[in-house]
């Protein structure tokens, strides 16, 4: 028989990139801080392209349905080499999804839609 105990422990202790990014973004939101992809890359040690993809995943309902806001960062007059062009900064917020029932339409059925409200 092979020993698999060590492998199972390493799988359990390891966190997903999406979970790490979510924790970092939510704690930054509590401090009302906006973070760029480069800042997130330095904090999490993940590449910026991968972080951008995980932010898109966090918007999906199956991964929490968070609201990821983005805005251009105001830069000073002196531009450093990495700041050419628009630098975007991000903030993640909890989103509340609730069902909204509307009046009956022509078909006689009730229309139900999902409305997302940021907290």
PDB file of N, CA and C in Angstrom:
ATOM      1  N   UNK A   1       0.833  -1.187   0.000  1.00  0.00           N
ATOM      2  CA  UNK A   1       0.000   0.000   0.000  1.00  0.00           C
ATOM      3  C   UNK A   1       0.877   1.249   0.000  1.00  0.00           C
ATOM      4  N   UNK A   2       0.433   2.200  -0.766  1.00  0.00           N
ATOM      5  CA  UNK A   2       1.165   3.462  -0.816  1.00  0.00           C
ATOM      6  C   UNK A   2       0.635   4.414   0.233  1.00  0.00           C
ATOM      7  N   UNK A   3       1.492   5.290   0.623  1.00  0.00           N
ATOM      8  CA  UNK A   3       1.112   6.298   1.600  1.00  0.00           C
ATOM      9  C   UNK A   3       0.576   7.526   0.864  1.00  0.00           C
ATOM     10  N   UNK A   4      -0.685   7.879   1.062  1.00  0.00           N
ATOM     11  CA  UNK A   4      -1.279   9.043   0.400  1.00  0.00           C
ATOM     12  C   UNK A   4      -1.637  10.137   1.394  1.00  0.00           C
ATOM     13  N   UNK A   5      -1.347   9.932   2.649  1.00  0.00           N
ATOM     14  CA  UNK A   5      -1.713  10.885   3.679  1.00  0.00           C
ATOM     15  C   UNK A   5      -1.073  12.251   3.452  1.00  0.00           C
ATOM     16  N   UNK A   6       0.182  12.266   3.064  1.00  0.00           N
ATOM     17  CA  UNK A   6       0.895  13.517   2.837  1.00  0.00           C
ATOM     18  C   UNK A   6       0.320  14.315   1.683  1.00  0.00           C
ATOM     19  N   UNK A   7      -0.087  13.633   0.618  1.00  0.00           N
ATOM     20  CA  UNK A   7      -0.668  14.311  -0.532  1.00  0.00           C
ATOM     21  C   UNK A   7      -2.025  14.932  -0.196  1.00  0.00           C
ATOM     22  N   UNK A   8      -2.829  14.225   0.568  1.00  0.00           N
ATOM     23  CA  UNK A   8      -4.146  14.743   0.932  1.00  0.00           C
ATOM     24  C   UNK A   8      -4.020  15.993   1.788  1.00  0.00           C
ATOM     25  N   UNK A   9      -3.046  16.021   2.692  1.00  0.00           N
ATOM     26  CA  UNK A   9      -2.853  17.208   3.515  1.00  0.00           C
ATOM     27  C   UNK A   9      -2.420  18.406   2.680  1.00  0.00           C
ATOM     28  N   UNK A  10      -1.557  18.185   1.696  1.00  0.00           N
ATOM     29  CA  UNK A  10      -1.098  19.301   0.874  1.00  0.00           C
ATOM     30  C   UNK A  10      -2.233  19.846   0.013  1.00  0.00           C
ATOM     31  N   UNK A  11      -3.162  18.995  -0.411  1.00  0.00           N
ATOM     32  CA  UNK A  11      -4.298  19.460  -1.190  1.00  0.00           C
ATOM     33  C   UNK A  11      -5.251  20.293  -0.338  1.00  0.00           C
ATOM     34  N   UNK A  12      -5.453  19.895   0.885  1.00  0.00           N
ATOM     35  CA  UNK A  12      -6.382  20.596   1.762  1.00  0.00           C
ATOM     36  C   UNK A  12      -5.824  21.956   2.164  1.00  0.00           C
ATOM     37  N   UNK A  13      -4.554  22.036   2.456  1.00  0.00           N
ATOM     38  CA  UNK A  13      -3.948  23.264   2.949  1.00  0.00           C
ATOM     39  C   UNK A  13      -3.792  24.325   1.857  1.00  0.00           C
ATOM     40  N   UNK A  14      -3.800  23.914   0.609  1.00  0.00           N
ATOM     41  CA  UNK A  14      -3.567  24.832  -0.490  1.00  0.00           C
ATOM     42  C   UNK A  14      -4.842  25.588  -0.856  1.00  0.00           C
ATOM     43  N   UNK A  15      -4.732  26.904  -0.972  1.00  0.00           N
ATOM     44  CA  UNK A  15      -5.889  27.716  -1.319  1.00  0.00           C
ATOM     45  C   UNK A  15      -5.862  28.069  -2.801  1.00  0.00           C
ATOM     46  N   UNK A  16      -7.023  28.270  -3.366  1.00  0.00           N
ATOM     47  CA  UNK A  16      -7.108  28.642  -4.770  1.00  0.00           C
ATOM     48  C   UNK A  16      -6.733  30.099  -4.955  1.00  0.00           C
ATOM     49  N   UNK A  17      -6.246  30.402  -6.133  1.00  0.00           N
ATOM     50  CA  UNK A  17      -5.857  31.776  -6.460  1.00  0.00           C
ATOM     51  C   UNK A  17      -7.052  32.712  -6.332  1.00  0.00           C
ATOM     52  N   UNK A  18      -8.210  32.251  -6.756  1.00  0.00           N
ATOM     53  CA  UNK A  18      -9.418  33.062  -6.690  1.00  0.00           C
ATOM     54  C   UNK A  18      -9.766  33.411  -5.251  1.00  0.00           C
ATOM     55  N   UNK A  19      -9.593  32.466  -4.328  1.00  0.00           N
ATOM     56  CA  UNK A  19      -9.893  32.705  -2.912  1.00  0.00           C
ATOM     57  C   UNK A  19      -8.918  33.702  -2.297  1.00  0.00           C
ATOM     58  N   UNK A  20      -7.651  33.581  -2.646  1.00  0.00           N
ATOM     59  CA  UNK A  20      -6.638  34.505  -2.137  1.00  0.00           C
ATOM     60  C   UNK A  20      -6.934  35.918  -2.635  1.00  0.00           C
ATOM     61  N   UNK A  21      -7.212  36.039  -3.926  1.00  0.00           N
ATOM     62  CA  UNK A  21      -7.509  37.340  -4.514  1.00  0.00           C
ATOM     63  C   UNK A  21      -8.776  37.947  -3.900  1.00  0.00           C
ATOM     64  N   UNK A  22      -9.782  37.127  -3.677  1.00  0.00           N
ATOM     65  CA  UNK A  22     -11.024  37.599  -3.074  1.00  0.00           C
ATOM     66  C   UNK A  22     -10.776  38.143  -1.671  1.00  0.00           C
ATOM     67  N   UNK A  23      -9.989  37.433  -0.875  1.00  0.00           N
ATOM     68  CA  UNK A  23      -9.679  37.890   0.482  1.00  0.00           C
ATOM     69  C   UNK A  23      -8.914  39.218   0.470  1.00  0.00           C
ATOM     70  N   UNK A  24      -7.936  39.332  -0.420  1.00  0.00           N
ATOM     71  CA  UNK A  24      -7.143  40.559  -0.509  1.00  0.00           C
ATOM     72  C   UNK A  24      -8.026  41.731  -0.941  1.00  0.00           C
ATOM     73  N   UNK A  25      -8.872  41.502  -1.935  1.00  0.00           N
ATOM     74  CA  UNK A  25      -9.717  42.572  -2.444  1.00  0.00           C
ATOM     75  C   UNK A  25     -10.775  43.003  -1.424  1.00  0.00           C
ATOM     76  N   UNK A  26     -11.351  42.053  -0.688  1.00  0.00           N
ATOM     77  CA  UNK A  26     -12.363  42.404   0.313  1.00  0.00           C
ATOM     78  C   UNK A  26     -11.753  43.142   1.502  1.00  0.00           C
ATOM     79  N   UNK A  27     -10.540  42.766   1.893  1.00  0.00           N
ATOM     80  CA  UNK A  27      -9.902  43.499   2.985  1.00  0.00           C
ATOM     81  C   UNK A  27      -9.472  44.893   2.526  1.00  0.00           C
ATOM     82  N   UNK A  28      -9.097  45.045   1.260  1.00  0.00           N
ATOM     83  CA  UNK A  28      -8.781  46.372   0.732  1.00  0.00           C
ATOM     84  C   UNK A  28     -10.049  47.225   0.659  1.00  0.00           C
ATOM     85  N   UNK A  29     -11.174  46.599   0.369  1.00  0.00           N
ATOM     86  CA  UNK A  29     -12.437  47.322   0.299  1.00  0.00           C
ATOM     87  C   UNK A  29     -12.855  47.831   1.674  1.00  0.00           C
ATOM     88  N   UNK A  30     -12.553  47.070   2.723  1.00  0.00           N
ATOM     89  CA  UNK A  30     -12.860  47.515   4.082  1.00  0.00           C
ATOM     90  C   UNK A  30     -12.061  48.775   4.436  1.00  0.00           C
ATOM     91  N   UNK A  31     -10.870  48.887   3.877  1.00  0.00           N
ATOM     92  CA  UNK A  31     -10.031  50.077   4.099  1.00  0.00           C
ATOM     93  C   UNK A  31     -10.302  51.163   3.065  1.00  0.00           C
ATOM     94  N   UNK A  32     -11.285  50.927   2.197  1.00  0.00           N
ATOM     95  CA  UNK A  32     -11.642  51.845   1.110  1.00  0.00           C
ATOM     96  C   UNK A  32     -10.455  52.135   0.204  1.00  0.00           C
ATOM     97  N   UNK A  33      -9.716  51.076  -0.151  1.00  0.00           N
ATOM     98  CA  UNK A  33      -8.520  51.190  -0.985  1.00  0.00           C
ATOM     99  C   UNK A  33      -8.781  50.567  -2.350  1.00  0.00           C
ATOM    100  N   UNK A  34      -8.335  51.235  -3.371  1.00  0.00           N
ATOM    101  CA  UNK A  34      -8.401  50.715  -4.733  1.00  0.00           C
ATOM    102  C   UNK A  34      -7.013  50.190  -5.088  1.00  0.00           C
ATOM    103  N   UNK A  35      -6.955  49.035  -5.756  1.00  0.00           N
ATOM    104  CA  UNK A  35      -5.672  48.413  -6.100  1.00  0.00           C
ATOM    105  C   UNK A  35      -5.563  48.189  -7.601  1.00  0.00           C
ATOM    106  N   UNK A  36      -4.362  48.422  -8.146  1.00  0.00           N
ATOM    107  CA  UNK A  36      -4.101  48.138  -9.553  1.00  0.00           C
ATOM    108  C   UNK A  36      -3.690  46.670  -9.694  1.00  0.00           C
ATOM    109  N   UNK A  37      -3.637  46.213 -10.947  1.00  0.00           N
ATOM    110  CA  UNK A  37      -3.206  44.837 -11.193  1.00  0.00           C
ATOM    111  C   UNK A  37      -1.766  44.616 -10.740  1.00  0.00           C
ATOM    112  N   UNK A  38      -0.912  45.611 -10.935  1.00  0.00           N
ATOM    113  CA  UNK A  38       0.486  45.479 -10.505  1.00  0.00           C
ATOM    114  C   UNK A  38       0.588  45.385  -8.980  1.00  0.00           C
ATOM    115  N   UNK A  39      -0.198  46.183  -8.279  1.00  0.00           N
ATOM    116  CA  UNK A  39      -0.185  46.119  -6.814  1.00  0.00           C
ATOM    117  C   UNK A  39      -0.706  44.769  -6.324  1.00  0.00           C
ATOM    118  N   UNK A  40      -1.749  44.267  -6.978  1.00  0.00           N
ATOM    119  CA  UNK A  40      -2.272  42.945  -6.612  1.00  0.00           C
ATOM    120  C   UNK A  40      -1.254  41.851  -6.910  1.00  0.00           C
ATOM    121  N   UNK A  41      -0.515  42.006  -8.018  1.00  0.00           N
ATOM    122  CA  UNK A  41       0.509  41.023  -8.365  1.00  0.00           C
ATOM    123  C   UNK A  41       1.614  40.997  -7.313  1.00  0.00           C
ATOM    124  N   UNK A  42       1.992  42.164  -6.809  1.00  0.00           N
ATOM    125  CA  UNK A  42       3.030  42.221  -5.772  1.00  0.00           C
ATOM    126  C   UNK A  42       2.539  41.648  -4.446  1.00  0.00           C
ATOM    127  N   UNK A  43       1.251  41.845  -4.141  1.00  0.00           N
ATOM    128  CA  UNK A  43       0.702  41.327  -2.881  1.00  0.00           C
ATOM    129  C   UNK A  43       0.488  39.818  -2.905  1.00  0.00           C
ATOM    130  N   UNK A  44       0.029  39.298  -4.046  1.00  0.00           N
ATOM    131  CA  UNK A  44      -0.356  37.886  -4.114  1.00  0.00           C
ATOM    132  C   UNK A  44       0.669  36.990  -4.789  1.00  0.00           C
ATOM    133  N   UNK A  45       1.638  37.575  -5.497  1.00  0.00           N
ATOM    134  CA  UNK A  45       2.662  36.825  -6.248  1.00  0.00           C
ATOM    135  C   UNK A  45       2.060  36.030  -7.404  1.00  0.00           C
ATOM    136  N   UNK A  46       0.950  36.532  -7.967  1.00  0.00           N
ATOM    137  CA  UNK A  46       0.350  35.954  -9.162  1.00  0.00           C
ATOM    138  C   UNK A  46       0.512  36.948 -10.308  1.00  0.00           C
ATOM    139  N   UNK A  47       0.557  36.481 -11.565  1.00  0.00           N
ATOM    140  CA  UNK A  47       0.723  37.404 -12.695  1.00  0.00           C
ATOM    141  C   UNK A  47      -0.533  38.262 -12.919  1.00  0.00           C
ATOM    142  N   UNK A  48      -0.358  39.501 -13.413  1.00  0.00           N
ATOM    143  CA  UNK A  48      -1.495  40.405 -13.609  1.00  0.00           C
ATOM    144  C   UNK A  48      -2.580  39.863 -14.548  1.00  0.00           C
ATOM    145  N   UNK A  49      -2.195  39.160 -15.607  1.00  0.00           N
ATOM    146  CA  UNK A  49      -3.193  38.619 -16.533  1.00  0.00           C
ATOM    147  C   UNK A  49      -4.075  37.589 -15.841  1.00  0.00           C
ATOM    148  N   UNK A  50      -3.482  36.788 -14.976  1.00  0.00           N
ATOM    149  CA  UNK A  50      -4.231  35.792 -14.232  1.00  0.00           C
ATOM    150  C   UNK A  50      -5.158  36.449 -13.212  1.00  0.00           C
ATOM    151  N   UNK A  51      -4.706  37.524 -12.600  1.00  0.00           N
ATOM    152  CA  UNK A  51      -5.530  38.255 -11.632  1.00  0.00           C
ATOM    153  C   UNK A  51      -6.734  38.856 -12.334  1.00  0.00           C
ATOM    154  N   UNK A  52      -6.539  39.401 -13.526  1.00  0.00           N
ATOM    155  CA  UNK A  52      -7.636  39.976 -14.296  1.00  0.00           C
ATOM    156  C   UNK A  52      -8.690  38.912 -14.616  1.00  0.00           C
ATOM    157  N   UNK A  53      -8.242  37.722 -14.983  1.00  0.00           N
ATOM    158  CA  UNK A  53      -9.168  36.629 -15.276  1.00  0.00           C
ATOM    159  C   UNK A  53      -9.939  36.215 -14.021  1.00  0.00           C
ATOM    160  N   UNK A  54      -9.264  36.162 -12.882  1.00  0.00           N
ATOM    161  CA  UNK A  54      -9.934  35.774 -11.642  1.00  0.00           C
ATOM    162  C   UNK A  54     -10.950  36.837 -11.208  1.00  0.00           C
ATOM    163  N   UNK A  55     -10.669  38.110 -11.466  1.00  0.00           N
ATOM    164  CA  UNK A  55     -11.649  39.157 -11.169  1.00  0.00           C
ATOM    165  C   UNK A  55     -12.913  38.971 -12.006  1.00  0.00           C
ATOM    166  N   UNK A  56     -12.752  38.549 -13.261  1.00  0.00           N
ATOM    167  CA  UNK A  56     -13.923  38.253 -14.094  1.00  0.00           C
ATOM    168  C   UNK A  56     -14.698  37.073 -13.525  1.00  0.00           C
ATOM    169  N   UNK A  57     -13.992  36.050 -13.035  1.00  0.00           N
ATOM    170  CA  UNK A  57     -14.669  34.890 -12.451  1.00  0.00           C
ATOM    171  C   UNK A  57     -15.441  35.264 -11.202  1.00  0.00           C
ATOM    172  N   UNK A  58     -14.899  36.165 -10.392  1.00  0.00           N
ATOM    173  CA  UNK A  58     -15.556  36.557  -9.151  1.00  0.00           C
ATOM    174  C   UNK A  58     -16.877  37.280  -9.400  1.00  0.00           C
ATOM    175  N   UNK A  59     -17.085  37.778 -10.600  1.00  0.00           N
ATOM    176  CA  UNK A  59     -18.365  38.410 -10.940  1.00  0.00           C
ATOM    177  C   UNK A  59     -19.463  37.382 -11.163  1.00  0.00           C
ATOM    178  N   UNK A  60     -19.097  36.164 -11.506  1.00  0.00           N
ATOM    179  CA  UNK A  60     -20.091  35.119 -11.793  1.00  0.00           C
ATOM    180  C   UNK A  60     -20.792  34.684 -10.518  1.00  0.00           C
ATOM    181  N   UNK A  61     -22.044  34.295 -10.656  1.00  0.00           N
ATOM    182  CA  UNK A  61     -22.864  33.907  -9.501  1.00  0.00           C
ATOM    183  C   UNK A  61     -22.287  32.687  -8.777  1.00  0.00           C
ATOM    184  N   UNK A  62     -21.738  31.724  -9.506  1.00  0.00           N
ATOM    185  CA  UNK A  62     -21.230  30.512  -8.859  1.00  0.00           C
ATOM    186  C   UNK A  62     -19.950  30.743  -8.056  1.00  0.00           C
ATOM    187  N   UNK A  63     -19.303  31.895  -8.266  1.00  0.00           N
ATOM    188  CA  UNK A  63     -18.089  32.227  -7.512  1.00  0.00           C
ATOM    189  C   UNK A  63     -18.300  33.403  -6.567  1.00  0.00           C
ATOM    190  N   UNK A  64     -19.529  33.683  -6.229  1.00  0.00           N
ATOM    191  CA  UNK A  64     -19.824  34.721  -5.242  1.00  0.00           C
ATOM    192  C   UNK A  64     -20.635  35.883  -5.775  1.00  0.00           C
ATOM    193  N   UNK A  65     -20.643  36.098  -7.089  1.00  0.00           N
ATOM    194  CA  UNK A  65     -21.419  37.188  -7.670  1.00  0.00           C
ATOM    195  C   UNK A  65     -21.018  38.558  -7.156  1.00  0.00           C
ATOM    196  N   UNK A  66     -19.726  38.759  -6.950  1.00  0.00           N
ATOM    197  CA  UNK A  66     -19.247  40.038  -6.444  1.00  0.00           C
ATOM    198  C   UNK A  66     -19.348  41.101  -7.530  1.00  0.00           C
ATOM    199  N   UNK A  67     -19.338  42.343  -7.118  1.00  0.00           N
ATOM    200  CA  UNK A  67     -19.324  43.450  -8.056  1.00  0.00           C
ATOM    201  C   UNK A  67     -17.910  44.008  -8.080  1.00  0.00           C
ATOM    202  N   UNK A  68     -17.245  43.887  -9.221  1.00  0.00           N
ATOM    203  CA  UNK A  68     -15.882  44.395  -9.373  1.00  0.00           C
ATOM    204  C   UNK A  68     -15.955  45.726 -10.103  1.00  0.00           C
ATOM    205  N   UNK A  69     -15.618  46.788  -9.393  1.00  0.00           N
ATOM    206  CA  UNK A  69     -15.628  48.112  -9.990  1.00  0.00           C
ATOM    207  C   UNK A  69     -14.217  48.471 -10.441  1.00  0.00           C
ATOM    208  N   UNK A  70     -14.147  49.258 -11.501  1.00  0.00           N
ATOM    209  CA  UNK A  70     -12.835  49.707 -11.961  1.00  0.00           C
ATOM    210  C   UNK A  70     -12.928  51.166 -12.342  1.00  0.00           C
ATOM    211  N   UNK A  71     -11.840  51.871 -12.113  1.00  0.00           N
ATOM    212  CA  UNK A  71     -11.763  53.291 -12.454  1.00  0.00           C
ATOM    213  C   UNK A  71     -10.331  53.617 -12.840  1.00  0.00           C
ATOM    214  N   UNK A  72     -10.142  54.644 -13.677  1.00  0.00           N
ATOM    215  CA  UNK A  72      -8.768  55.025 -14.025  1.00  0.00           C
ATOM    216  C   UNK A  72      -8.099  55.712 -12.840  1.00  0.00           C
ATOM    217  N   UNK A  73      -6.858  55.376 -12.604  1.00  0.00           N
ATOM    218  CA  UNK A  73      -6.109  55.994 -11.507  1.00  0.00           C
ATOM    219  C   UNK A  73      -5.559  57.331 -11.980  1.00  0.00           C
ATOM    220  N   UNK A  74      -5.731  58.328 -11.144  1.00  0.00           N
ATOM    221  CA  UNK A  74      -5.193  59.654 -11.457  1.00  0.00           C
ATOM    222  C   UNK A  74      -3.683  59.603 -11.304  1.00  0.00           C
ATOM    223  N   UNK A  75      -2.983  60.006 -12.341  1.00  0.00           N
ATOM    224  CA  UNK A  75      -1.517  59.978 -12.299  1.00  0.00           C
ATOM    225  C   UNK A  75      -0.986  61.397 -12.155  1.00  0.00           C
ATOM    226  N   UNK A  76       0.211  61.505 -11.638  1.00  0.00           N
ATOM    227  CA  UNK A  76       0.835  62.818 -11.500  1.00  0.00           C
ATOM    228  C   UNK A  76       1.401  63.262 -12.850  1.00  0.00           C
ATOM    229  N   UNK A  77       1.956  64.452 -12.891  1.00  0.00           N
ATOM    230  CA  UNK A  77       2.485  64.982 -14.141  1.00  0.00           C
ATOM    231  C   UNK A  77       3.723  64.226 -14.609  1.00  0.00           C
ATOM    232  N   UNK A  78       4.524  63.762 -13.662  1.00  0.00           N
ATOM    233  CA  UNK A  78       5.733  63.012 -14.008  1.00  0.00           C
ATOM    234  C   UNK A  78       5.362  61.537 -14.131  1.00  0.00           C
ATOM    235  N   UNK A  79       5.536  60.993 -15.311  1.00  0.00           N
ATOM    236  CA  UNK A  79       5.168  59.604 -15.543  1.00  0.00           C
ATOM    237  C   UNK A  79       6.381  58.710 -15.420  1.00  0.00           C
ATOM    238  N   UNK A  80       6.212  57.640 -14.689  1.00  0.00           N
ATOM    239  CA  UNK A  80       7.272  56.639 -14.632  1.00  0.00           C
ATOM    240  C   UNK A  80       7.116  55.703 -15.823  1.00  0.00           C
ATOM    241  N   UNK A  81       8.076  54.855 -16.054  1.00  0.00           N
ATOM    242  CA  UNK A  81       8.047  53.958 -17.201  1.00  0.00           C
ATOM    243  C   UNK A  81       6.848  53.032 -17.223  1.00  0.00           C
ATOM    244  N   UNK A  82       6.358  52.606 -16.064  1.00  0.00           N
ATOM    245  CA  UNK A  82       5.246  51.663 -16.032  1.00  0.00           C
ATOM    246  C   UNK A  82       3.892  52.354 -16.114  1.00  0.00           C
ATOM    247  N   UNK A  83       3.849  53.672 -16.005  1.00  0.00           N
ATOM    248  CA  UNK A  83       2.580  54.386 -15.925  1.00  0.00           C
ATOM    249  C   UNK A  83       2.120  55.006 -17.245  1.00  0.00           C
ATOM    250  N   UNK A  84       2.727  54.665 -18.370  1.00  0.00           N
ATOM    251  CA  UNK A  84       2.263  55.231 -19.626  1.00  0.00           C
ATOM    252  C   UNK A  84       0.916  54.635 -19.977  1.00  0.00           C
ATOM    253  N   UNK A  85       0.031  55.477 -20.427  1.00  0.00           N
ATOM    254  CA  UNK A  85      -1.319  55.032 -20.746  1.00  0.00           C
ATOM    255  C   UNK A  85      -2.187  55.062 -19.490  1.00  0.00           C
ATOM    256  N   UNK A  86      -3.369  54.491 -19.601  1.00  0.00           N
ATOM    257  CA  UNK A  86      -4.308  54.481 -18.490  1.00  0.00           C
ATOM    258  C   UNK A  86      -3.991  53.329 -17.552  1.00  0.00           C
ATOM    259  N   UNK A  87      -3.903  53.625 -16.285  1.00  0.00           N
ATOM    260  CA  UNK A  87      -3.709  52.598 -15.267  1.00  0.00           C
ATOM    261  C   UNK A  87      -5.038  52.446 -14.544  1.00  0.00           C
ATOM    262  N   UNK A  88      -5.579  51.230 -14.544  1.00  0.00           N
ATOM    263  CA  UNK A  88      -6.866  50.968 -13.925  1.00  0.00           C
ATOM    264  C   UNK A  88      -6.671  50.440 -12.519  1.00  0.00           C
ATOM    265  N   UNK A  89      -7.560  50.846 -11.637  1.00  0.00           N
ATOM    266  CA  UNK A  89      -7.564  50.317 -10.278  1.00  0.00           C
ATOM    267  C   UNK A  89      -8.924  49.692 -10.008  1.00  0.00           C
ATOM    268  N   UNK A  90      -8.922  48.671  -9.141  1.00  0.00           N
ATOM    269  CA  UNK A  90     -10.095  47.836  -8.932  1.00  0.00           C
ATOM    270  C   UNK A  90     -10.494  47.802  -7.465  1.00  0.00           C
ATOM    271  N   UNK A  91     -11.792  47.570  -7.257  1.00  0.00           N
ATOM    272  CA  UNK A  91     -12.321  47.363  -5.919  1.00  0.00           C
ATOM    273  C   UNK A  91     -13.429  46.330  -6.025  1.00  0.00           C
ATOM    274  N   UNK A  92     -13.488  45.423  -5.073  1.00  0.00           N
ATOM    275  CA  UNK A  92     -14.465  44.336  -5.074  1.00  0.00           C
ATOM    276  C   UNK A  92     -15.477  44.591  -3.970  1.00  0.00           C
ATOM    277  N   UNK A  93     -16.747  44.388  -4.283  1.00  0.00           N
ATOM    278  CA  UNK A  93     -17.817  44.590  -3.299  1.00  0.00           C
ATOM    279  C   UNK A  93     -18.755  43.402  -3.301  1.00  0.00           C
ATOM    280  N   UNK A  94     -19.357  43.154  -2.149  1.00  0.00           N
ATOM    281  CA  UNK A  94     -20.399  42.134  -2.066  1.00  0.00           C
ATOM    282  C   UNK A  94     -21.604  42.636  -2.847  1.00  0.00           C
ATOM    283  N   UNK A  95     -22.253  41.764  -3.564  1.00  0.00           N
ATOM    284  CA  UNK A  95     -23.463  42.133  -4.288  1.00  0.00           C
ATOM    285  C   UNK A  95     -24.618  41.306  -3.742  1.00  0.00           C
ATOM    286  N   UNK A  96     -25.755  41.936  -3.590  1.00  0.00           N
ATOM    287  CA  UNK A  96     -26.949  41.242  -3.118  1.00  0.00           C
ATOM    288  C   UNK A  96     -27.846  41.012  -4.326  1.00  0.00           C
ATOM    289  N   UNK A  97     -28.209  39.776  -4.536  1.00  0.00           N
ATOM    290  CA  UNK A  97     -29.128  39.467  -5.635  1.00  0.00           C
ATOM    291  C   UNK A  97     -30.499  39.195  -5.034  1.00  0.00           C
ATOM    292  N   UNK A  98     -31.495  39.862  -5.570  1.00  0.00           N
ATOM    293  CA  UNK A  98     -32.849  39.621  -5.088  1.00  0.00           C
ATOM    294  C   UNK A  98     -33.783  39.525  -6.283  1.00  0.00           C
ATOM    295  N   UNK A  99     -34.844  38.757  -6.100  1.00  0.00           N
ATOM    296  CA  UNK A  99     -35.821  38.596  -7.166  1.00  0.00           C
ATOM    297  C   UNK A  99     -36.813  39.741  -7.106  1.00  0.00           C
ATOM    298  N   UNK A 100     -37.111  40.287  -8.263  1.00  0.00           N
ATOM    299  CA  UNK A 100     -38.067  41.368  -8.360  1.00  0.00           C
ATOM    300  C   UNK A 100     -39.200  40.890  -9.253  1.00  0.00           C
ATOM    301  N   UNK A 101     -40.398  40.834  -8.706  1.00  0.00           N
ATOM    302  CA  UNK A 101     -41.561  40.406  -9.483  1.00  0.00           C
ATOM    303  C   UNK A 101     -42.215  41.632 -10.098  1.00  0.00           C
ATOM    304  N   UNK A 102     -42.476  41.572 -11.366  1.00  0.00           N
ATOM    305  CA  UNK A 102     -43.113  42.682 -12.072  1.00  0.00           C
ATOM    306  C   UNK A 102     -44.580  42.341 -12.334  1.00  0.00           C
ATOM    307  N   UNK A 103     -45.307  43.311 -12.791  1.00  0.00           N
ATOM    308  CA  UNK A 103     -46.719  43.110 -13.111  1.00  0.00           C
ATOM    309  C   UNK A 103     -46.861  42.123 -14.253  1.00  0.00           C
ATOM    310  N   UNK A 104     -48.034  41.585 -14.375  1.00  0.00           N
ATOM    311  CA  UNK A 104     -48.283  40.589 -15.422  1.00  0.00           C
ATOM    312  C   UNK A 104     -48.228  41.231 -16.804  1.00  0.00           C
ATOM    313  N   UNK A 105     -47.631  40.509 -17.712  1.00  0.00           N
ATOM    314  CA  UNK A 105     -47.509  40.996 -19.088  1.00  0.00           C
ATOM    315  C   UNK A 105     -48.699  40.571 -19.922  1.00  0.00           C
ATOM    316  N   UNK A 106     -48.591  40.719 -21.209  1.00  0.00           N
ATOM    317  CA  UNK A 106     -49.677  40.353 -22.130  1.00  0.00           C
ATOM    318  C   UNK A 106     -49.949  38.858 -22.119  1.00  0.00           C
ATOM    319  N   UNK A 107     -48.915  38.076 -21.900  1.00  0.00           N
ATOM    320  CA  UNK A 107     -49.080  36.626 -21.923  1.00  0.00           C
ATOM    321  C   UNK A 107     -49.775  36.117 -20.659  1.00  0.00           C
ATOM    322  N   UNK A 108     -49.966  36.972 -19.666  1.00  0.00           N
ATOM    323  CA  UNK A 108     -50.661  36.570 -18.451  1.00  0.00           C
ATOM    324  C   UNK A 108     -49.746  36.039 -17.373  1.00  0.00           C
ATOM    325  N   UNK A 109     -48.481  35.756 -17.722  1.00  0.00           N
ATOM    326  CA  UNK A 109     -47.536  35.227 -16.739  1.00  0.00           C
ATOM    327  C   UNK A 109     -46.807  36.342 -16.017  1.00  0.00           C
ATOM    328  N   UNK A 110     -46.341  36.026 -14.868  1.00  0.00           N
ATOM    329  CA  UNK A 110     -45.605  37.011 -14.085  1.00  0.00           C
ATOM    330  C   UNK A 110     -44.141  36.995 -14.528  1.00  0.00           C
ATOM    331  N   UNK A 111     -43.540  38.153 -14.664  1.00  0.00           N
ATOM    332  CA  UNK A 111     -42.142  38.250 -15.064  1.00  0.00           C
ATOM    333  C   UNK A 111     -41.299  38.414 -13.813  1.00  0.00           C
ATOM    334  N   UNK A 112     -40.261  37.610 -13.711  1.00  0.00           N
ATOM    335  CA  UNK A 112     -39.348  37.693 -12.573  1.00  0.00           C
ATOM    336  C   UNK A 112     -37.964  37.961 -13.114  1.00  0.00           C
ATOM    337  N   UNK A 113     -37.291  38.948 -12.555  1.00  0.00           N
ATOM    338  CA  UNK A 113     -35.925  39.247 -12.970  1.00  0.00           C
ATOM    339  C   UNK A 113     -35.047  39.364 -11.742  1.00  0.00           C
ATOM    340  N   UNK A 114     -33.753  39.193 -11.954  1.00  0.00           N
ATOM    341  CA  UNK A 114     -32.788  39.339 -10.870  1.00  0.00           C
ATOM    342  C   UNK A 114     -32.218  40.742 -10.900  1.00  0.00           C
ATOM    343  N   UNK A 115     -32.152  41.351  -9.746  1.00  0.00           N
ATOM    344  CA  UNK A 115     -31.598  42.691  -9.628  1.00  0.00           C
ATOM    345  C   UNK A 115     -30.408  42.615  -8.696  1.00  0.00           C
ATOM    346  N   UNK A 116     -29.292  43.193  -9.099  1.00  0.00           N
ATOM    347  CA  UNK A 116     -28.081  43.175  -8.280  1.00  0.00           C
ATOM    348  C   UNK A 116     -27.902  44.543  -7.635  1.00  0.00           C
ATOM    349  N   UNK A 117     -27.738  44.529  -6.316  1.00  0.00           N
ATOM    350  CA  UNK A 117     -27.539  45.757  -5.572  1.00  0.00           C
ATOM    351  C   UNK A 117     -26.216  45.637  -4.834  1.00  0.00           C
ATOM    352  N   UNK A 118     -25.357  46.623  -4.972  1.00  0.00           N
ATOM    353  CA  UNK A 118     -24.053  46.597  -4.276  1.00  0.00           C
ATOM    354  C   UNK A 118     -24.236  47.032  -2.846  1.00  0.00           C
ATOM    355  N   UNK A 119     -23.472  46.388  -1.941  1.00  0.00           N
ATOM    356  CA  UNK A 119     -23.489  46.770  -0.524  1.00  0.00           C
ATOM    357  C   UNK A 119     -22.355  47.674  -0.231  1.00  0.00           C
TER     358      UNK A 119
END
